[in-house]
PDB file of N, CA and C in Angstrom:
ATOM      1  N   MET A   1     156.691 129.318  64.091  1.00  0.00           N
ATOM      2  CA  MET A   1     157.881 128.534  64.839  1.00  0.00           C
ATOM      3  C   MET A   1     156.951 127.618  65.877  1.00  0.00           C
ATOM      4  N   ASN A   2     157.579 126.771  66.323  1.00  0.00           N
ATOM      5  CA  ASN A   2     156.703 125.482  66.934  1.00  0.00           C
ATOM      6  C   ASN A   2     157.312 125.766  68.343  1.00  0.00           C
ATOM      7  N   THR A   3     156.511 125.965  69.209  1.00  0.00           N
ATOM      8  CA  THR A   3     156.923 126.140  70.547  1.00  0.00           C
ATOM      9  C   THR A   3     156.350 124.901  71.487  1.00  0.00           C
ATOM     10  N   GLY A   4     156.054 123.755  71.171  1.00  0.00           N
ATOM     11  CA  GLY A   4     155.464 122.850  71.685  1.00  0.00           C
ATOM     12  C   GLY A   4     154.208 122.704  72.556  1.00  0.00           C
ATOM     13  N   GLU A   5     153.391 123.689  72.145  1.00  0.00           N
ATOM     14  CA  GLU A   5     151.958 124.129  72.417  1.00  0.00           C
ATOM     15  C   GLU A   5     151.192 124.002  71.463  1.00  0.00           C
ATOM     16  N   PRO A   6     149.761 123.781  71.902  1.00  0.00           N
ATOM     17  CA  PRO A   6     149.006 123.499  70.735  1.00  0.00           C
ATOM     18  C   PRO A   6     148.530 124.639  70.153  1.00  0.00           C
ATOM     19  N   ALA A   7     148.349 124.959  68.958  1.00  0.00           N
ATOM     20  CA  ALA A   7     147.767 125.963  68.384  1.00  0.00           C
ATOM     21  C   ALA A   7     146.485 126.461  69.119  1.00  0.00           C
ATOM     22  N   LYS A   8     146.181 127.613  68.638  1.00  0.00           N
ATOM     23  CA  LYS A   8     144.929 128.582  69.446  1.00  0.00           C
ATOM     24  C   LYS A   8     143.573 128.002  68.889  1.00  0.00           C
ATOM     25  N   HIS A   9     143.688 127.450  67.467  1.00  0.00           N
ATOM     26  CA  HIS A   9     142.354 126.681  67.176  1.00  0.00           C
ATOM     27  C   HIS A   9     142.120 125.386  67.699  1.00  0.00           C
ATOM     28  N   GLU A  10     143.274 124.854  68.187  1.00  0.00           N
ATOM     29  CA  GLU A  10     142.920 123.308  68.828  1.00  0.00           C
ATOM     30  C   GLU A  10     142.605 123.504  70.293  1.00  0.00           C
ATOM     31  N   LYS A  11     141.641 122.903  70.695  1.00  0.00           N
ATOM     32  CA  LYS A  11     141.025 122.796  71.568  1.00  0.00           C
ATOM     33  C   LYS A  11     141.336 121.686  72.719  1.00  0.00           C
ATOM     34  N   ASN A  12     142.011 121.868  73.984  1.00  0.00           N
ATOM     35  CA  ASN A  12     142.251 120.736  74.763  1.00  0.00           C
ATOM     36  C   ASN A  12     140.845 120.256  75.366  1.00  0.00           C
ATOM     37  N   PRO A  13     140.737 119.002  75.267  1.00  0.00           N
ATOM     38  CA  PRO A  13     139.733 118.341  75.983  1.00  0.00           C
ATOM     39  C   PRO A  13     139.071 118.427  77.289  1.00  0.00           C
ATOM     40  N   LEU A  14     140.142 118.789  78.183  1.00  0.00           N
ATOM     41  CA  LEU A  14     139.981 119.264  79.459  1.00  0.00           C
ATOM     42  C   LEU A  14     139.219 120.652  79.452  1.00  0.00           C
ATOM     43  N   LEU A  15     139.890 121.279  78.763  1.00  0.00           N
ATOM     44  CA  LEU A  15     139.239 122.719  78.597  1.00  0.00           C
ATOM     45  C   LEU A  15     137.895 123.112  78.030  1.00  0.00           C
ATOM     46  N   ALA A  16     137.617 121.957  77.132  1.00  0.00           N
ATOM     47  CA  ALA A  16     136.201 122.006  76.657  1.00  0.00           C
ATOM     48  C   ALA A  16     135.401 121.365  77.943  1.00  0.00           C
ATOM     49  N   LEU A  17     135.774 120.207  78.394  1.00  0.00           N
ATOM     50  CA  LEU A  17     135.095 119.855  79.611  1.00  0.00           C
ATOM     51  C   LEU A  17     134.812 120.767  80.642  1.00  0.00           C
ATOM     52  N   ASN A  18     135.683 121.830  80.916  1.00  0.00           N
ATOM     53  CA  ASN A  18     135.476 122.717  82.175  1.00  0.00           C
ATOM     54  C   ASN A  18     134.506 123.566  81.627  1.00  0.00           C
ATOM     55  N   GLU A  19     134.803 124.152  80.302  1.00  0.00           N
ATOM     56  CA  GLU A  19     133.992 125.082  79.861  1.00  0.00           C
ATOM     57  C   GLU A  19     132.398 124.745  79.958  1.00  0.00           C
ATOM     58  N   THR A  20     132.262 123.171  79.581  1.00  0.00           N
ATOM     59  CA  THR A  20     130.861 123.010  79.327  1.00  0.00           C
ATOM     60  C   THR A  20     130.308 122.600  80.860  1.00  0.00           C
ATOM     61  N   GLN A  21     131.274 122.273  81.961  1.00  0.00           N
ATOM     62  CA  GLN A  21     130.878 122.473  83.007  1.00  0.00           C
ATOM     63  C   GLN A  21     130.245 123.886  83.558  1.00  0.00           C
ATOM     64  N   ALA A  22     130.931 124.748  83.110  1.00  0.00           N
ATOM     65  CA  ALA A  22     130.951 125.912  83.853  1.00  0.00           C
ATOM     66  C   ALA A  22     129.614 126.478  83.274  1.00  0.00           C
ATOM     67  N   GLN A  23     129.399 126.115  81.754  1.00  0.00           N
ATOM     68  CA  GLN A  23     128.146 126.548  81.187  1.00  0.00           C
ATOM     69  C   GLN A  23     126.978 125.944  82.178  1.00  0.00           C
ATOM     70  N   ASP A  24     126.643 124.724  82.429  1.00  0.00           N
ATOM     71  CA  ASP A  24     125.943 124.015  82.776  1.00  0.00           C
ATOM     72  C   ASP A  24     125.451 124.639  84.631  1.00  0.00           C
ATOM     73  N   SER A  25     126.636 124.948  85.026  1.00  0.00           N
ATOM     74  CA  SER A  25     126.560 125.664  86.505  1.00  0.00           C
ATOM     75  C   SER A  25     125.929 126.776  86.302  1.00  0.00           C
ATOM     76  N   ALA A  26     126.178 127.783  85.182  1.00  0.00           N
ATOM     77  CA  ALA A  26     125.912 129.071  85.006  1.00  0.00           C
ATOM     78  C   ALA A  26     124.322 128.819  84.706  1.00  0.00           C
ATOM     79  N   ASP A  27     124.128 127.989  83.880  1.00  0.00           N
ATOM     80  CA  ASP A  27     122.302 127.596  83.723  1.00  0.00           C
ATOM     81  C   ASP A  27     121.709 127.148  84.854  1.00  0.00           C
ATOM     82  N   GLU A  28     122.210 126.473  85.382  1.00  0.00           N
ATOM     83  CA  GLU A  28     121.313 125.954  87.035  1.00  0.00           C
ATOM     84  C   GLU A  28     121.522 127.048  87.705  1.00  0.00           C
ATOM     85  N   ALA A  29     122.350 127.859  87.796  1.00  0.00           N
ATOM     86  CA  ALA A  29     122.207 129.261  88.442  1.00  0.00           C
ATOM     87  C   ALA A  29     121.173 129.934  88.247  1.00  0.00           C
ATOM     88  N   ARG A  30     121.010 130.385  86.861  1.00  0.00           N
ATOM     89  CA  ARG A  30     119.985 130.955  86.280  1.00  0.00           C
ATOM     90  C   ARG A  30     118.757 130.334  86.420  1.00  0.00           C
ATOM     91  N   ARG A  31     118.601 129.247  86.663  1.00  0.00           N
ATOM     92  CA  ARG A  31     117.293 128.705  86.984  1.00  0.00           C
ATOM     93  C   ARG A  31     116.873 128.645  88.317  1.00  0.00           C
ATOM     94  N   ILE A  32     117.842 128.311  89.236  1.00  0.00           N
ATOM     95  CA  ILE A  32     117.571 128.642  90.717  1.00  0.00           C
ATOM     96  C   ILE A  32     117.143 129.913  91.067  1.00  0.00           C
ATOM     97  N   ARG A  33     117.683 131.099  90.312  1.00  0.00           N
ATOM     98  CA  ARG A  33     117.587 132.380  90.827  1.00  0.00           C
ATOM     99  C   ARG A  33     116.114 132.626  89.977  1.00  0.00           C
ATOM    100  N   ARG A  34     115.637 132.034  89.302  1.00  0.00           N
ATOM    101  CA  ARG A  34     114.711 132.351  87.998  1.00  0.00           C
ATOM    102  C   ARG A  34     113.050 131.792  89.537  1.00  0.00           C
ATOM    103  N   LEU A  35     113.638 130.541  89.798  1.00  0.00           N
ATOM    104  CA  LEU A  35     112.693 130.073  90.813  1.00  0.00           C
ATOM    105  C   LEU A  35     112.602 130.853  91.969  1.00  0.00           C
ATOM    106  N   GLN A  36     113.631 131.394  92.533  1.00  0.00           N
ATOM    107  CA  GLN A  36     113.475 132.022  93.799  1.00  0.00           C
ATOM    108  C   GLN A  36     112.625 133.138  93.428  1.00  0.00           C
ATOM    109  N   ILE A  37     112.832 133.927  92.502  1.00  0.00           N
ATOM    110  CA  ILE A  37     112.134 135.153  92.028  1.00  0.00           C
ATOM    111  C   ILE A  37     110.458 134.740  91.753  1.00  0.00           C
ATOM    112  N   MET A  38     110.201 133.763  91.013  1.00  0.00           N
ATOM    113  CA  MET A  38     109.040 133.313  90.778  1.00  0.00           C
ATOM    114  C   MET A  38     108.281 132.988  91.848  1.00  0.00           C
ATOM    115  N   MET A  39     108.743 132.213  92.882  1.00  0.00           N
ATOM    116  CA  MET A  39     108.084 131.839  94.229  1.00  0.00           C
ATOM    117  C   MET A  39     108.022 133.217  95.114  1.00  0.00           C
ATOM    118  N   SER A  40     108.971 133.855  95.057  1.00  0.00           N
ATOM    119  CA  SER A  40     108.697 135.157  96.003  1.00  0.00           C
ATOM    120  C   SER A  40     107.467 135.780  95.682  1.00  0.00           C
ATOM    121  N   MET A  41     107.580 135.838  94.176  1.00  0.00           N
ATOM    122  CA  MET A  41     106.350 136.868  93.497  1.00  0.00           C
ATOM    123  C   MET A  41     105.161 135.930  93.775  1.00  0.00           C
ATOM    124  N   VAL A  42     105.044 134.989  93.597  1.00  0.00           N
ATOM    125  CA  VAL A  42     103.890 133.751  94.246  1.00  0.00           C
ATOM    126  C   VAL A  42     103.600 133.964  95.425  1.00  0.00           C
ATOM    127  N   SER A  43     104.319 134.154  96.433  1.00  0.00           N
ATOM    128  CA  SER A  43     104.221 134.405  97.936  1.00  0.00           C
ATOM    129  C   SER A  43     103.767 135.686  98.312  1.00  0.00           C
ATOM    130  N   SER A  44     104.164 136.807  97.433  1.00  0.00           N
ATOM    131  CA  SER A  44     103.840 138.053  97.280  1.00  0.00           C
ATOM    132  C   SER A  44     102.052 138.054  97.196  1.00  0.00           C
ATOM    133  N   VAL A  45     102.075 137.544  96.053  1.00  0.00           N
ATOM    134  CA  VAL A  45     100.478 137.712  95.604  1.00  0.00           C
ATOM    135  C   VAL A  45      99.644 137.090  96.402  1.00  0.00           C
ATOM    136  N   ILE A  46     100.253 135.835  96.987  1.00  0.00           N
ATOM    137  CA  ILE A  46      99.073 134.905  97.789  1.00  0.00           C
ATOM    138  C   ILE A  46      98.885 136.234  99.252  1.00  0.00           C
ATOM    139  N   SER A  47      99.706 136.665  99.515  1.00  0.00           N
ATOM    140  CA  SER A  47      99.809 137.254 101.096  1.00  0.00           C
ATOM    141  C   SER A  47      99.004 138.663 100.966  1.00  0.00           C
ATOM    142  N   GLN A  48      99.244 139.452  99.604  1.00  0.00           N
ATOM    143  CA  GLN A  48      99.013 140.839  99.428  1.00  0.00           C
ATOM    144  C   GLN A  48      97.849 141.237  98.519  1.00  0.00           C
ATOM    145  N   ASP A  49      97.457 140.540  97.827  1.00  0.00           N
ATOM    146  CA  ASP A  49      96.483 140.665  97.009  1.00  0.00           C
ATOM    147  C   ASP A  49      95.009 140.600  97.674  1.00  0.00           C
ATOM    148  N   PRO A  50      94.394 141.746  97.628  1.00  0.00           N
ATOM    149  CA  PRO A  50      93.050 141.565  98.702  1.00  0.00           C
ATOM    150  C   PRO A  50      91.840 140.874  97.682  1.00  0.00           C
ATOM    151  N   SER A  51      91.949 140.947  96.535  1.00  0.00           N
ATOM    152  CA  SER A  51      90.919 140.363  95.834  1.00  0.00           C
ATOM    153  C   SER A  51      90.940 138.888  95.433  1.00  0.00           C
ATOM    154  N   LEU A  52      92.343 138.418  95.633  1.00  0.00           N
ATOM    155  CA  LEU A  52      92.407 136.903  95.448  1.00  0.00           C
ATOM    156  C   LEU A  52      91.692 135.867  96.299  1.00  0.00           C
ATOM    157  N   THR A  53      90.905 134.988  95.367  1.00  0.00           N
ATOM    158  CA  THR A  53      90.208 134.165  96.700  1.00  0.00           C
ATOM    159  C   THR A  53      91.128 132.825  96.672  1.00  0.00           C
ATOM    160  N   VAL A  54      90.365 131.928  97.562  1.00  0.00           N
ATOM    161  CA  VAL A  54      91.114 130.951  97.889  1.00  0.00           C
ATOM    162  C   VAL A  54      91.467 129.983  96.650  1.00  0.00           C
ATOM    163  N   GLU A  55      90.488 129.603  95.712  1.00  0.00           N
ATOM    164  CA  GLU A  55      90.602 129.149  94.566  1.00  0.00           C
ATOM    165  C   GLU A  55      91.648 129.667  93.744  1.00  0.00           C
ATOM    166  N   GLU A  56      91.928 130.950  93.433  1.00  0.00           N
ATOM    167  CA  GLU A  56      92.719 131.410  92.849  1.00  0.00           C
ATOM    168  C   GLU A  56      94.094 131.136  93.420  1.00  0.00           C
ATOM    169  N   ALA A  57      94.294 131.217  94.553  1.00  0.00           N
ATOM    170  CA  ALA A  57      95.598 131.175  95.196  1.00  0.00           C
ATOM    171  C   ALA A  57      95.937 129.760  95.164  1.00  0.00           C
ATOM    172  N   SER A  58      95.047 128.856  95.083  1.00  0.00           N
ATOM    173  CA  SER A  58      95.621 127.378  94.995  1.00  0.00           C
ATOM    174  C   SER A  58      95.994 126.882  93.718  1.00  0.00           C
ATOM    175  N   GLU A  59      95.039 127.676  92.680  1.00  0.00           N
ATOM    176  CA  GLU A  59      95.666 127.781  91.153  1.00  0.00           C
ATOM    177  C   GLU A  59      97.140 128.156  91.069  1.00  0.00           C
ATOM    178  N   LEU A  60      97.216 129.382  91.335  1.00  0.00           N
ATOM    179  CA  LEU A  60      98.465 130.013  91.423  1.00  0.00           C
ATOM    180  C   LEU A  60      99.554 128.964  92.117  1.00  0.00           C
ATOM    181  N   ALA A  61      99.335 128.537  93.207  1.00  0.00           N
ATOM    182  CA  ALA A  61     100.562 127.445  93.935  1.00  0.00           C
ATOM    183  C   ALA A  61     100.621 126.155  92.874  1.00  0.00           C
ATOM    184  N   ALA A  62      99.472 125.999  92.388  1.00  0.00           N
ATOM    185  CA  ALA A  62      99.760 124.540  91.376  1.00  0.00           C
ATOM    186  C   ALA A  62     100.660 125.060  90.390  1.00  0.00           C
ATOM    187  N   GLY A  63     100.408 126.198  89.989  1.00  0.00           N
ATOM    188  CA  GLY A  63     100.848 126.743  88.394  1.00  0.00           C
ATOM    189  C   GLY A  63     102.448 126.836  88.738  1.00  0.00           C
ATOM    190  N   ALA A  64     102.625 127.407  90.208  1.00  0.00           N
ATOM    191  CA  ALA A  64     103.962 127.299  90.492  1.00  0.00           C
ATOM    192  C   ALA A  64     105.057 126.129  90.645  1.00  0.00           C
ATOM    193  N   LYS A  65     104.078 125.020  91.147  1.00  0.00           N
ATOM    194  CA  LYS A  65     104.669 124.164  91.171  1.00  0.00           C
ATOM    195  C   LYS A  65     104.984 123.509  89.841  1.00  0.00           C
ATOM    196  N   ARG A  66     103.810 123.111  89.163  1.00  0.00           N
ATOM    197  CA  ARG A  66     104.312 123.046  87.191  1.00  0.00           C
ATOM    198  C   ARG A  66     105.520 123.482  87.163  1.00  0.00           C
ATOM    199  N   ALA A  67     105.634 124.807  86.960  1.00  0.00           N
ATOM    200  CA  ALA A  67     106.751 125.665  86.777  1.00  0.00           C
ATOM    201  C   ALA A  67     107.930 125.197  86.913  1.00  0.00           C
ATOM    202  N   ALA A  68     108.150 125.061  88.471  1.00  0.00           N
ATOM    203  CA  ALA A  68     109.250 124.668  89.379  1.00  0.00           C
ATOM    204  C   ALA A  68     109.774 123.071  88.393  1.00  0.00           C
ATOM    205  N   LEU A  69     108.701 122.216  88.720  1.00  0.00           N
ATOM    206  CA  LEU A  69     109.228 120.961  88.010  1.00  0.00           C
ATOM    207  C   LEU A  69     109.649 121.124  86.663  1.00  0.00           C
ATOM    208  N   ALA A  70     109.152 122.076  85.830  1.00  0.00           N
ATOM    209  CA  ALA A  70     109.513 122.044  84.450  1.00  0.00           C
ATOM    210  C   ALA A  70     110.940 122.298  84.413  1.00  0.00           C
ATOM    211  N   MET A  71     111.316 123.397  85.424  1.00  0.00           N
ATOM    212  CA  MET A  71     112.589 123.679  85.345  1.00  0.00           C
ATOM    213  C   MET A  71     113.626 122.565  86.079  1.00  0.00           C
ATOM    214  N   PHE A  72     113.071 122.062  86.854  1.00  0.00           N
ATOM    215  CA  PHE A  72     114.009 121.025  87.550  1.00  0.00           C
ATOM    216  C   PHE A  72     113.095 119.650  87.633  1.00  0.00           C
ATOM    217  N   PRO A  73     113.282 118.966  86.538  1.00  0.00           N
ATOM    218  CA  PRO A  73     111.940 117.960  86.529  1.00  0.00           C
ATOM    219  C   PRO A  73     112.071 116.619  87.847  1.00  0.00           C
ATOM    220  N   ASP A  74     113.344 116.256  88.002  1.00  0.00           N
ATOM    221  CA  ASP A  74     113.505 115.333  89.244  1.00  0.00           C
ATOM    222  C   ASP A  74     113.421 115.898  90.611  1.00  0.00           C
ATOM    223  N   LYS A  75     113.174 116.914  90.773  1.00  0.00           N
ATOM    224  CA  LYS A  75     113.381 117.608  91.975  1.00  0.00           C
ATOM    225  C   LYS A  75     112.138 117.884  93.129  1.00  0.00           C
ATOM    226  N   GLU A  76     111.132 116.983  92.545  1.00  0.00           N
ATOM    227  CA  GLU A  76     109.835 117.194  93.401  1.00  0.00           C
ATOM    228  C   GLU A  76     109.892 116.944  95.026  1.00  0.00           C
ATOM    229  N   LEU A  77     110.561 116.228  95.288  1.00  0.00           N
ATOM    230  CA  LEU A  77     110.907 115.999  96.950  1.00  0.00           C
ATOM    231  C   LEU A  77     111.294 117.437  97.347  1.00  0.00           C
ATOM    232  N   ALA A  78     112.321 118.088  96.736  1.00  0.00           N
ATOM    233  CA  ALA A  78     113.000 119.023  96.799  1.00  0.00           C
ATOM    234  C   ALA A  78     111.808 120.354  97.256  1.00  0.00           C
ATOM    235  N   TYR A  79     110.919 120.163  96.247  1.00  0.00           N
ATOM    236  CA  TYR A  79     110.049 121.512  96.260  1.00  0.00           C
ATOM    237  C   TYR A  79     108.994 121.111  97.368  1.00  0.00           C
ATOM    238  N   ASP A  80     108.418 119.941  97.582  1.00  0.00           N
ATOM    239  CA  ASP A  80     107.779 119.749  98.569  1.00  0.00           C
ATOM    240  C   ASP A  80     108.057 119.786  99.994  1.00  0.00           C
ATOM    241  N   LEU A  81     109.551 119.936 100.187  1.00  0.00           N
ATOM    242  CA  LEU A  81     110.313 120.356 101.660  1.00  0.00           C
ATOM    243  C   LEU A  81     110.498 121.704 101.483  1.00  0.00           C
ATOM    244  N   LEU A  82     110.580 122.448 100.359  1.00  0.00           N
ATOM    245  CA  LEU A  82     110.982 123.862 100.270  1.00  0.00           C
ATOM    246  C   LEU A  82     109.901 124.536 100.191  1.00  0.00           C
ATOM    247  N   TYR A  83     108.989 124.596  99.277  1.00  0.00           N
ATOM    248  CA  TYR A  83     108.256 125.402  98.836  1.00  0.00           C
ATOM    249  C   TYR A  83     106.758 125.125  99.232  1.00  0.00           C
ATOM    250  N   LYS A  84     106.585 123.982  99.506  1.00  0.00           N
ATOM    251  CA  LYS A  84     105.104 123.740  99.462  1.00  0.00           C
ATOM    252  C   LYS A  84     104.773 124.052 100.904  1.00  0.00           C
ATOM    253  N   PRO A  85     105.285 123.937 102.172  1.00  0.00           N
ATOM    254  CA  PRO A  85     104.910 124.508 103.575  1.00  0.00           C
ATOM    255  C   PRO A  85     104.943 125.953 103.494  1.00  0.00           C
ATOM    256  N   ARG A  86     105.745 126.832 102.761  1.00  0.00           N
ATOM    257  CA  ARG A  86     105.616 127.949 102.646  1.00  0.00           C
ATOM    258  C   ARG A  86     104.479 128.367 102.267  1.00  0.00           C
ATOM    259  N   LEU A  87     104.069 127.781 100.779  1.00  0.00           N
ATOM    260  CA  LEU A  87     102.746 128.330 100.418  1.00  0.00           C
ATOM    261  C   LEU A  87     101.602 127.839 101.205  1.00  0.00           C
ATOM    262  N   GLN A  88     101.630 126.660 102.038  1.00  0.00           N
ATOM    263  CA  GLN A  88     100.357 126.261 102.599  1.00  0.00           C
ATOM    264  C   GLN A  88     100.207 127.333 103.744  1.00  0.00           C
ATOM    265  N   ARG A  89     101.419 127.479 104.365  1.00  0.00           N
ATOM    266  CA  ARG A  89     101.390 128.598 105.408  1.00  0.00           C
ATOM    267  C   ARG A  89     100.614 129.837 104.899  1.00  0.00           C
ATOM    268  N   LEU A  90     101.268 130.327 104.139  1.00  0.00           N
ATOM    269  CA  LEU A  90     100.645 131.812 103.607  1.00  0.00           C
ATOM    270  C   LEU A  90      99.029 131.642 103.601  1.00  0.00           C
ATOM    271  N   MET A  91      98.809 130.641 102.668  1.00  0.00           N
ATOM    272  CA  MET A  91      97.384 130.404 102.682  1.00  0.00           C
ATOM    273  C   MET A  91      96.501 130.275 103.643  1.00  0.00           C
ATOM    274  N   THR A  92      97.099 129.527 104.625  1.00  0.00           N
ATOM    275  CA  THR A  92      96.506 129.379 106.036  1.00  0.00           C
ATOM    276  C   THR A  92      96.261 130.562 106.504  1.00  0.00           C
ATOM    277  N   GLU A  93      97.682 131.448 106.680  1.00  0.00           N
ATOM    278  CA  GLU A  93      97.227 132.583 107.416  1.00  0.00           C
ATOM    279  C   GLU A  93      96.212 134.004 106.809  1.00  0.00           C
ATOM    280  N   ARG A  94      96.295 133.662 105.574  1.00  0.00           N
ATOM    281  CA  ARG A  94      95.638 134.567 104.659  1.00  0.00           C
ATOM    282  C   ARG A  94      93.996 134.107 104.738  1.00  0.00           C
ATOM    283  N   PHE A  95      93.625 133.004 104.437  1.00  0.00           N
ATOM    284  CA  PHE A  95      92.574 132.361 104.242  1.00  0.00           C
ATOM    285  C   PHE A  95      91.725 131.852 105.706  1.00  0.00           C
ATOM    286  N   ARG A  96      92.771 131.939 106.350  1.00  0.00           N
ATOM    287  CA  ARG A  96      92.337 131.221 107.913  1.00  0.00           C
ATOM    288  C   ARG A  96      91.355 129.707 107.743  1.00  0.00           C
ATOM    289  N   LEU A  97      92.446 129.100 107.067  1.00  0.00           N
ATOM    290  CA  LEU A  97      92.234 127.638 106.540  1.00  0.00           C
ATOM    291  C   LEU A  97      92.496 127.005 107.729  1.00  0.00           C
ATOM    292  N   GLN A  98      91.733 125.720 108.135  1.00  0.00           N
ATOM    293  CA  GLN A  98      92.473 124.567 108.890  1.00  0.00           C
ATOM    294  C   GLN A  98      92.713 123.632 108.424  1.00  0.00           C
TER     295      GLN A  98
END
């Protein structure tokens, strides 16, 4: 019996678009959370590892930046505003840099 509604196997283009947007949004949320966890770990290592040298800390910070930009390619300015000062402050405090 035809009730005037599309069959379940027929996709509504608007529903498909909404599903795609929801998937993209969920993917971005996962990448943001992964970035936050990564930066938290890097910050912890820089501030707490007693055997870490200034060169190793610099390499760790550079690697974190590369990873962040791999996850969010066009967001270097955001990284420089949010995470770079935090890592610089940690390194300055930890290694008494000027």
